[in-house]
Protein backbone atom coordinates (compact mmCIF):
# COMPACT_ATOMS: atom_id res chain seq x y z
CA MET A 1 22.95 -14.69 -5.05
CA LYS A 2 23.33 -15.19 -0.98
CA GLN A 3 26.86 -15.61 0.65
CA GLY A 4 27.16 -15.88 4.58
CA GLY A 5 23.90 -14.88 5.20
CA LYS A 6 23.93 -12.01 3.02
CA ASN A 7 22.82 -11.05 -0.50
CA VAL A 8 25.72 -10.43 -2.38
CA GLY A 9 25.32 -8.91 -6.25
CA ASN A 10 21.57 -7.88 -5.68
CA VAL A 11 20.94 -4.86 -8.16
CA TYR A 12 16.99 -3.96 -7.47
CA PHE A 13 14.74 -1.81 -9.44
CA PHE A 14 11.78 0.14 -8.07
CA THR A 15 8.87 1.82 -8.93
CA GLY A 16 6.68 4.24 -6.98
CA PHE A 17 9.55 5.96 -5.71
CA PRO A 18 9.44 8.76 -3.87
CA GLY A 19 6.02 6.88 -2.35
CA PHE A 20 5.65 6.05 1.30
CA ILE A 21 5.77 2.68 0.95
CA SER A 22 8.39 2.43 -1.45
CA SER A 23 10.82 4.61 0.54
CA MET A 24 10.25 2.54 3.61
CA LEU A 25 11.22 -0.66 1.72
CA LEU A 26 14.34 0.55 0.60
CA GLU A 27 15.34 2.24 4.14
CA GLU A 28 14.53 -1.34 5.37
CA LEU A 29 16.14 -3.45 2.22
CA ILE A 30 19.51 -1.22 2.81
CA GLU A 31 19.66 -1.76 6.64
CA LYS A 32 19.01 -5.75 6.74
CA TRP A 33 19.71 -7.34 3.14
CA ALA A 34 22.90 -4.90 1.55
CA PRO A 35 22.08 -4.36 -2.01
CA GLU A 36 24.60 -3.99 -4.39
CA LYS A 37 23.33 -1.21 -6.41
CA ILE A 38 19.88 0.29 -6.14
CA TYR A 39 17.70 2.07 -9.81
CA THR A 40 14.71 3.87 -8.74
CA LEU A 41 11.90 4.79 -11.76
CA VAL A 42 10.84 8.40 -11.40
CA LEU A 43 8.46 10.88 -13.17
CA PRO A 44 10.65 13.95 -14.31
CA SER A 45 8.10 15.95 -12.26
CA MET A 46 9.02 13.65 -9.26
CA LYS A 47 12.81 13.93 -9.82
CA GLU A 48 13.30 17.00 -7.32
CA LYS A 49 11.32 15.32 -4.72
CA ALA A 50 12.81 11.86 -5.20
CA MET A 51 16.37 13.20 -4.95
CA GLU A 52 15.45 14.52 -1.68
CA GLU A 53 14.23 11.47 -0.01
CA LYS A 54 17.10 9.50 -1.64
CA GLU A 55 19.54 11.89 0.33
CA ARG A 56 17.45 11.51 3.49
CA ILE A 57 17.66 7.93 2.98
CA CYS A 58 21.30 7.47 2.07
CA SER A 59 21.99 9.61 5.10
CA SER A 60 20.01 7.98 7.93
CA THR A 61 21.58 4.35 6.64
CA HIS A 62 24.98 5.78 5.43
CA PHE A 63 24.50 3.89 1.79
CA PRO A 64 26.51 5.08 -0.56
CA GLN A 65 24.55 7.72 -2.85
CA ALA A 66 26.90 6.53 -6.12
CA LYS A 67 25.04 3.02 -5.59
CA TRP A 68 21.57 4.56 -5.75
CA GLU A 69 20.98 5.94 -9.26
CA ILE A 70 17.64 7.91 -10.28
CA VAL A 71 16.31 6.78 -13.37
CA GLU A 72 13.85 9.17 -15.31
CA GLY A 73 10.93 7.20 -17.05
CA ASP A 74 7.43 6.74 -17.22
CA ILE A 75 5.60 3.07 -16.28
CA THR A 76 2.72 3.93 -19.06
CA LYS A 77 5.17 4.02 -21.60
CA SER A 78 6.74 1.80 -24.37
CA ASN A 79 10.01 0.40 -22.23
CA LEU A 80 9.16 2.67 -19.41
CA SER A 81 10.22 5.42 -21.43
CA LEU A 82 13.57 4.32 -21.25
CA SER A 83 16.70 4.95 -23.86
CA GLU A 84 18.37 1.92 -25.50
CA LYS A 85 21.57 2.28 -23.51
CA GLN A 86 19.62 2.27 -20.00
CA LEU A 87 17.45 -1.07 -21.24
CA HIS A 88 20.74 -2.62 -21.97
CA MET A 89 22.33 -1.20 -18.73
CA LEU A 90 19.67 -2.40 -16.58
CA ALA A 91 18.91 -6.18 -18.46
CA GLN A 92 22.87 -6.85 -17.15
CA SER A 93 21.97 -6.35 -13.91
CA VAL A 94 18.94 -6.19 -12.35
CA THR A 95 18.23 -9.47 -10.44
CA HIS A 96 14.82 -7.80 -8.04
CA VAL A 97 11.60 -5.79 -9.31
CA PHE A 98 9.82 -3.91 -6.97
CA HIS A 99 6.38 -2.75 -8.57
CA LEU A 100 4.62 -0.59 -6.50
CA ALA A 101 4.03 2.71 -9.08
CA ALA A 102 -0.03 3.25 -9.06
CA ILE A 103 -2.98 5.34 -7.84
CA TYR A 104 -4.19 4.49 -4.70
CA ASP A 105 -6.49 7.41 -4.31
CA LEU A 106 -10.31 5.60 -3.77
CA ALA A 107 -11.85 8.78 -5.54
CA VAL A 108 -9.80 8.53 -8.74
CA PRO A 109 -11.35 8.94 -11.84
CA GLU A 110 -11.43 5.77 -14.54
CA ASP A 111 -9.43 7.12 -17.06
CA ILE A 112 -6.39 7.98 -14.85
CA ALA A 113 -6.94 4.94 -12.87
CA ARG A 114 -6.48 2.43 -15.72
CA MET A 115 -4.05 4.49 -17.58
CA VAL A 116 -1.36 4.13 -14.46
CA ASN A 117 -2.40 0.81 -12.98
CA VAL A 118 -3.32 -1.77 -15.79
CA GLU A 119 -1.11 0.10 -18.56
CA GLY A 120 1.77 1.03 -16.68
CA THR A 121 1.58 -2.73 -14.97
CA LYS A 122 1.15 -4.20 -18.72
CA GLN A 123 4.39 -1.74 -19.69
CA VAL A 124 6.62 -2.99 -16.33
CA ASN A 125 5.18 -6.87 -17.06
CA GLU A 126 6.59 -6.78 -20.70
CA TRP A 127 9.85 -4.71 -19.20
CA VAL A 128 10.53 -7.68 -16.60
CA SER A 129 9.77 -10.41 -19.01
CA PHE A 130 13.08 -9.46 -20.83
CA LEU A 131 15.07 -9.14 -17.82
CA PRO A 132 17.57 -12.21 -17.86
CA HIS A 133 18.89 -12.57 -14.34
CA LEU A 134 15.97 -11.70 -12.88
CA GLN A 135 15.55 -13.32 -9.85
CA ARG A 136 12.21 -12.09 -8.72
CA TYR A 137 9.08 -9.50 -9.46
CA VAL A 138 7.38 -7.95 -6.65
CA TYR A 139 3.96 -6.62 -7.22
CA PHE A 140 2.52 -4.85 -5.34
CA SER A 141 -1.40 -5.35 -5.44
CA THR A 142 -4.39 -5.13 -2.55
CA ALA A 143 -6.24 -7.07 -0.83
CA TYR A 144 -9.36 -5.13 -1.89
CA VAL A 145 -9.09 -6.57 -5.62
CA SER A 146 -11.63 -8.94 -4.08
CA GLY A 147 -14.16 -6.00 -4.99
CA THR A 148 -17.79 -6.33 -3.27
CA ARG A 149 -17.33 -9.90 -2.47
CA GLN A 150 -18.12 -11.08 0.97
CA GLY A 151 -17.28 -14.13 3.41
CA VAL A 152 -13.98 -15.63 3.16
CA ILE A 153 -11.16 -14.43 0.37
CA PHE A 154 -8.48 -16.89 -0.19
CA GLU A 155 -5.21 -15.84 -1.36
CA HIS A 156 -4.93 -18.07 -4.39
CA GLU A 157 -8.54 -16.30 -5.64
CA LEU A 158 -8.87 -13.57 -7.53
CA ASP A 159 -11.95 -13.47 -10.73
CA LYS A 160 -15.01 -14.73 -9.31
CA GLY A 161 -17.00 -12.53 -11.24
CA GLN A 162 -17.22 -9.53 -8.53
CA SER A 163 -18.29 -5.87 -9.01
CA PHE A 164 -16.05 -3.11 -7.38
CA LYS A 165 -16.49 0.01 -5.03
CA ASN A 166 -14.54 2.23 -6.89
CA HIS A 167 -12.07 2.47 -9.86
CA TYR A 168 -9.33 2.23 -7.72
CA GLU A 169 -10.41 -1.72 -6.55
CA LYS A 170 -11.45 -2.78 -10.43
CA THR A 171 -8.10 -0.96 -11.77
CA LYS A 172 -5.86 -3.05 -9.40
CA PHE A 173 -7.97 -6.35 -10.43
CA LEU A 174 -7.17 -6.13 -13.94
CA ALA A 175 -3.57 -5.30 -13.01
CA GLU A 176 -3.42 -8.36 -10.60
CA VAL A 177 -5.09 -10.48 -13.73
CA ALA A 178 -2.24 -9.24 -16.35
CA VAL A 179 0.77 -10.24 -13.75
CA ARG A 180 -0.63 -13.28 -13.25
CA GLU A 181 -0.71 -14.06 -16.95
CA VAL A 182 3.36 -13.22 -16.92
CA ALA A 183 3.80 -15.14 -13.87
CA HIS A 184 4.00 -18.73 -15.52
CA ASN A 185 7.55 -17.64 -17.18
CA VAL A 186 8.74 -14.82 -14.55
CA PRO A 187 9.43 -15.33 -10.90
CA THR A 188 6.68 -13.65 -9.27
CA THR A 189 5.36 -12.76 -5.88
CA ILE A 190 2.34 -11.11 -5.19
CA ILE A 191 1.70 -8.78 -1.94
CA ARG A 192 -2.11 -7.65 -1.45
CA PRO A 193 -2.12 -5.45 1.60
CA GLY A 194 -4.67 -4.75 3.51
CA ILE A 195 -5.65 -0.92 4.12
CA VAL A 196 -2.01 0.15 5.18
CA VAL A 197 -1.36 2.72 8.41
CA GLY A 198 1.87 4.34 9.48
CA HIS A 199 4.19 2.52 11.72
CA SER A 200 3.29 0.64 14.83
CA LYS A 201 5.73 2.41 16.50
CA THR A 202 6.41 5.86 15.61
CA GLY A 203 3.10 6.79 13.67
CA GLU A 204 4.77 7.94 10.73
CA THR A 205 2.89 8.09 7.35
CA MET A 206 3.47 10.04 4.80
CA LYS A 207 -0.75 10.56 3.76
CA PHE A 208 -3.84 11.18 5.80
CA ASP A 209 -6.03 8.58 4.17
CA GLY A 210 -7.91 5.41 4.61
CA LEU A 211 -8.70 5.13 8.27
CA TYR A 212 -7.24 8.61 8.97
CA PHE A 213 -10.60 10.01 7.50
CA MET A 214 -11.57 9.19 10.34
CA LEU A 215 -9.73 11.34 12.54
CA ASN A 216 -10.38 13.60 10.08
CA MET A 217 -13.79 13.80 10.84
CA PHE A 218 -13.96 13.95 14.86
CA GLU A 219 -11.29 16.41 14.54
CA ARG A 220 -13.70 18.66 12.67
CA LEU A 221 -16.73 17.32 14.72
CA LYS A 222 -15.03 17.54 18.35
CA PHE A 223 -17.14 20.37 19.28
CA LEU A 224 -20.71 18.43 19.27
CA PRO A 225 -21.75 17.07 22.52
CA PHE A 226 -21.59 13.75 21.23
CA ILE A 227 -20.99 11.92 17.43
CA PRO A 228 -22.70 8.69 16.72
CA TYR A 229 -21.47 5.72 15.01
CA ILE A 230 -22.07 5.27 11.44
CA GLY A 231 -24.13 2.23 10.05
CA LYS A 232 -23.93 -0.76 12.06
CA GLY A 233 -20.35 -1.57 11.75
CA GLU A 234 -20.38 -4.84 11.31
CA ALA A 235 -17.57 -5.35 8.68
CA GLN A 236 -14.39 -6.25 9.42
CA GLY A 237 -11.49 -3.53 9.25
CA ASN A 238 -8.43 -4.79 7.86
CA PHE A 239 -6.06 -2.20 8.88
CA VAL A 240 -2.53 -2.78 9.00
CA PRO A 241 0.92 -0.95 10.13
CA VAL A 242 3.33 -0.04 7.14
CA ASP A 243 6.24 -1.77 9.48
CA TYR A 244 4.83 -5.20 8.89
CA ILE A 245 4.01 -4.78 5.27
CA ILE A 246 8.12 -3.94 5.02
CA GLU A 247 9.50 -6.93 6.98
CA ALA A 248 7.23 -9.54 5.08
CA THR A 249 7.62 -8.28 1.59
CA LEU A 250 11.52 -8.03 2.13
CA TYR A 251 11.55 -11.61 3.66
CA LEU A 252 9.00 -13.15 1.09
CA ALA A 253 11.40 -11.38 -2.23
CA HIS A 254 14.36 -13.56 -1.19
CA THR A 255 12.64 -16.66 0.06
CA ASP A 256 12.45 -19.05 -2.98
CA GLU A 257 9.26 -20.34 -1.25
CA ALA A 258 7.10 -17.04 -2.18
CA ILE A 259 7.85 -17.72 -5.75
CA GLY A 260 4.32 -18.04 -7.99
CA GLN A 261 2.77 -17.16 -4.32
CA THR A 262 -0.14 -14.66 -3.47
CA TYR A 263 0.16 -13.24 -0.04
CA HIS A 264 -2.52 -11.42 2.02
CA LEU A 265 -0.46 -9.23 4.58
CA THR A 266 -3.78 -8.39 6.25
CA ASP A 267 -4.94 -8.30 9.58
CA PRO A 268 -5.03 -11.92 11.08
CA ASN A 269 -7.61 -10.73 14.08
CA PRO A 270 -9.61 -7.94 12.81
CA TYR A 271 -12.11 -5.74 14.83
CA LYS A 272 -15.05 -4.88 13.56
CA MET A 273 -15.57 -1.25 11.92
CA ARG A 274 -17.83 -0.21 15.00
CA ASP A 275 -15.60 -1.68 17.58
CA ILE A 276 -12.27 0.51 15.51
CA TYR A 277 -14.55 3.76 15.51
CA GLN A 278 -15.37 3.61 19.14
CA MET A 279 -11.44 3.10 20.33
CA MET A 280 -10.37 5.59 17.70
CA MET A 281 -12.85 8.26 19.01
CA THR A 282 -12.39 7.11 22.79
CA GLU A 283 -8.39 7.53 22.30
CA TYR A 284 -8.59 10.99 19.84
CA LEU A 285 -11.26 12.61 21.76
CA GLY A 286 -11.86 10.99 25.02
CA LYS A 287 -15.66 10.10 24.60
CA GLU A 288 -17.75 7.20 23.12
CA PRO A 289 -20.13 7.14 20.30
CA LYS A 290 -23.70 7.77 21.00
CA GLY A 291 -26.47 6.38 18.69
CA ILE A 292 -26.38 5.20 15.00
CA LEU A 293 -26.39 7.92 11.90
CA PRO A 294 -27.56 5.29 9.17
CA LEU A 295 -25.14 4.36 6.54
CA ARG A 296 -27.44 5.52 3.68
CA LEU A 297 -27.84 8.76 5.29
CA ALA A 298 -24.09 9.31 5.85
CA LYS A 299 -23.58 8.55 2.17
CA TRP A 300 -26.00 11.45 1.29
CA ALA A 301 -24.52 13.56 3.06
CA MET A 302 -21.38 13.00 1.85
CA SER A 303 -22.53 13.47 -1.38
CA PHE A 304 -22.33 17.08 -1.10
CA SER A 305 -19.17 18.48 -2.27
CA PHE A 306 -18.89 20.96 0.74
CA ILE A 307 -19.60 18.69 3.15
CA ARG A 308 -16.69 16.07 1.99
CA LYS A 309 -14.41 18.51 2.10
CA TRP A 310 -15.27 20.72 5.62
CA LEU A 311 -14.50 16.79 7.29
CA HIS A 312 -11.84 16.19 4.78
CA VAL A 313 -13.14 12.66 3.81
CA GLU A 314 -13.57 10.75 0.67
CA LYS A 315 -16.97 9.66 0.36
CA GLU A 316 -15.99 6.20 -0.98
CA ALA A 317 -14.25 5.68 2.42
CA LEU A 318 -17.95 4.75 3.71
CA GLU A 319 -18.49 1.70 1.53
CA TYR A 320 -15.41 -0.18 3.75
CA PHE A 321 -18.09 -0.07 6.82
CA GLU A 322 -20.09 -2.55 5.10
CA CYS A 323 -18.51 -4.88 3.00
CA ALA A 324 -18.14 -8.06 4.64
CA SER A 325 -15.03 -9.66 3.77
CA VAL A 326 -12.83 -11.70 5.60
CA TYR A 327 -9.44 -12.15 4.32
CA ASP A 328 -7.39 -15.57 4.85
CA ALA A 329 -3.79 -15.41 5.04
CA THR A 330 -3.21 -18.82 5.55
CA ASN A 331 -0.44 -18.89 2.99
CA ALA A 332 1.49 -15.52 4.18
CA ARG A 333 0.98 -17.01 7.95
CA ASN A 334 2.62 -20.18 7.04
CA THR A 335 5.45 -18.83 4.88
CA LEU A 336 6.07 -16.31 7.42
CA ALA A 337 5.82 -19.31 10.38
CA LYS A 338 9.22 -19.28 11.41
CA THR A 339 10.58 -15.45 10.80
CA GLY A 340 9.17 -14.06 14.04
CA ILE A 341 7.23 -11.28 11.36
CA THR A 342 3.77 -10.86 12.83
CA CYS A 343 0.91 -8.09 12.48
CA PRO A 344 0.58 -6.16 15.72
CA ASP A 345 -2.94 -6.00 17.29
CA PHE A 346 -4.17 -3.26 16.32
CA ARG A 347 -5.61 -1.79 19.71
CA ASP A 348 -1.92 -1.04 20.35
CA VAL A 349 -1.41 0.54 17.05
CA ILE A 350 -4.79 3.11 17.60
CA PRO A 351 -2.91 5.37 20.19
CA VAL A 352 0.73 5.78 18.18
CA MET A 353 -1.72 6.59 15.36
CA ALA A 354 -3.67 9.22 17.07
CA ARG A 355 -0.59 10.74 18.53
CA TYR A 356 1.33 11.26 15.20
CA TYR A 357 -1.86 12.64 13.82
CA ARG A 358 -2.65 14.97 16.43
CA LYS A 359 1.24 15.99 16.14
CA HIS A 360 0.68 16.59 12.53
CA ARG A 361 -2.90 16.73 11.67
CA HIS A 362 -1.91 21.13 10.38
CA ASN A 363 0.57 19.70 7.81
CA SER A 364 -1.53 20.02 4.92
CA THR A 365 0.88 17.96 2.68
CA LYS A 366 -0.25 15.34 4.59
CA GLN A 367 -4.01 15.71 3.13
CA LEU A 368 -5.57 14.45 0.66
CA THR A 369 -7.21 17.21 -1.71
CA ILE A 370 -10.93 16.16 -1.51
CA HIS A 371 -13.34 16.39 -4.31
């Protein structure tokens, strides 16, 4: 309910906390949208970390800790593993649900990805269907539900018979299919980000994955007289800073125009992977790439575990150097047109990314475990 520009009485329920995007969403939500109450669903094993993150956010935003409740549960279980008392309490008050809990690792095994990304989402879908005061169900998908499709991909499209580059993409596709099935009777907004990188002003990020694998590789190979390009790099690289994702998502979650809509939160003017590779290397190492290592040779080298571990790069990341997908974001652009919320030029984000990486590169908690 809106009153005087504020959302009065809105009660928010989040999955995926204390993940990076959910934490930043909550911080911005508190600062800009005046929530009445917040519930965050966390696995028992994550409760201690969640408590620490809650305390940090409450301290920085001066949000009363009593208005934020951490609820132990599990999205893969019936009723999210909540008690009858908890279910009743939430049903009486929750107005907005943000479902972010997922396995985001490109190298995730299929059984784990399916359990969390697909079955977990179906359980959340089932639960939100019975919330009488629900104003919005925000589901975090990914632009890469497009799989191996090439050419222009539109926001309204989903199942085009595509195959997938990894289990992450496939299970997120299946999860979005499930969300669309409940969207006819649940006020739903689907968010499809590109590959998320750190904050465009501070560089802050929780994990050095995705594009940061490139910086990991440059850090390892900096002793070489030159480093070649990887493949032709003609594919567009769709990298978006987290602050754009946060601002856009929170606006879309609170405008009626976004009900029943899907949004590509992607770079409207993406660079080719070759150009990104060159800009990243120049910024981080102060030198230009020379020569080309064919992509098939790079994939062969990355098939060896000891090379992956030494470089600290997942082999699945190489697929994004060659898949020529173009993400049309007309829907997002039109809905956000009057807000001033825009995706920064990625050229301006690279120096900030590189500075943050250089400062924190030896922090093992920011590195993924490579197998």
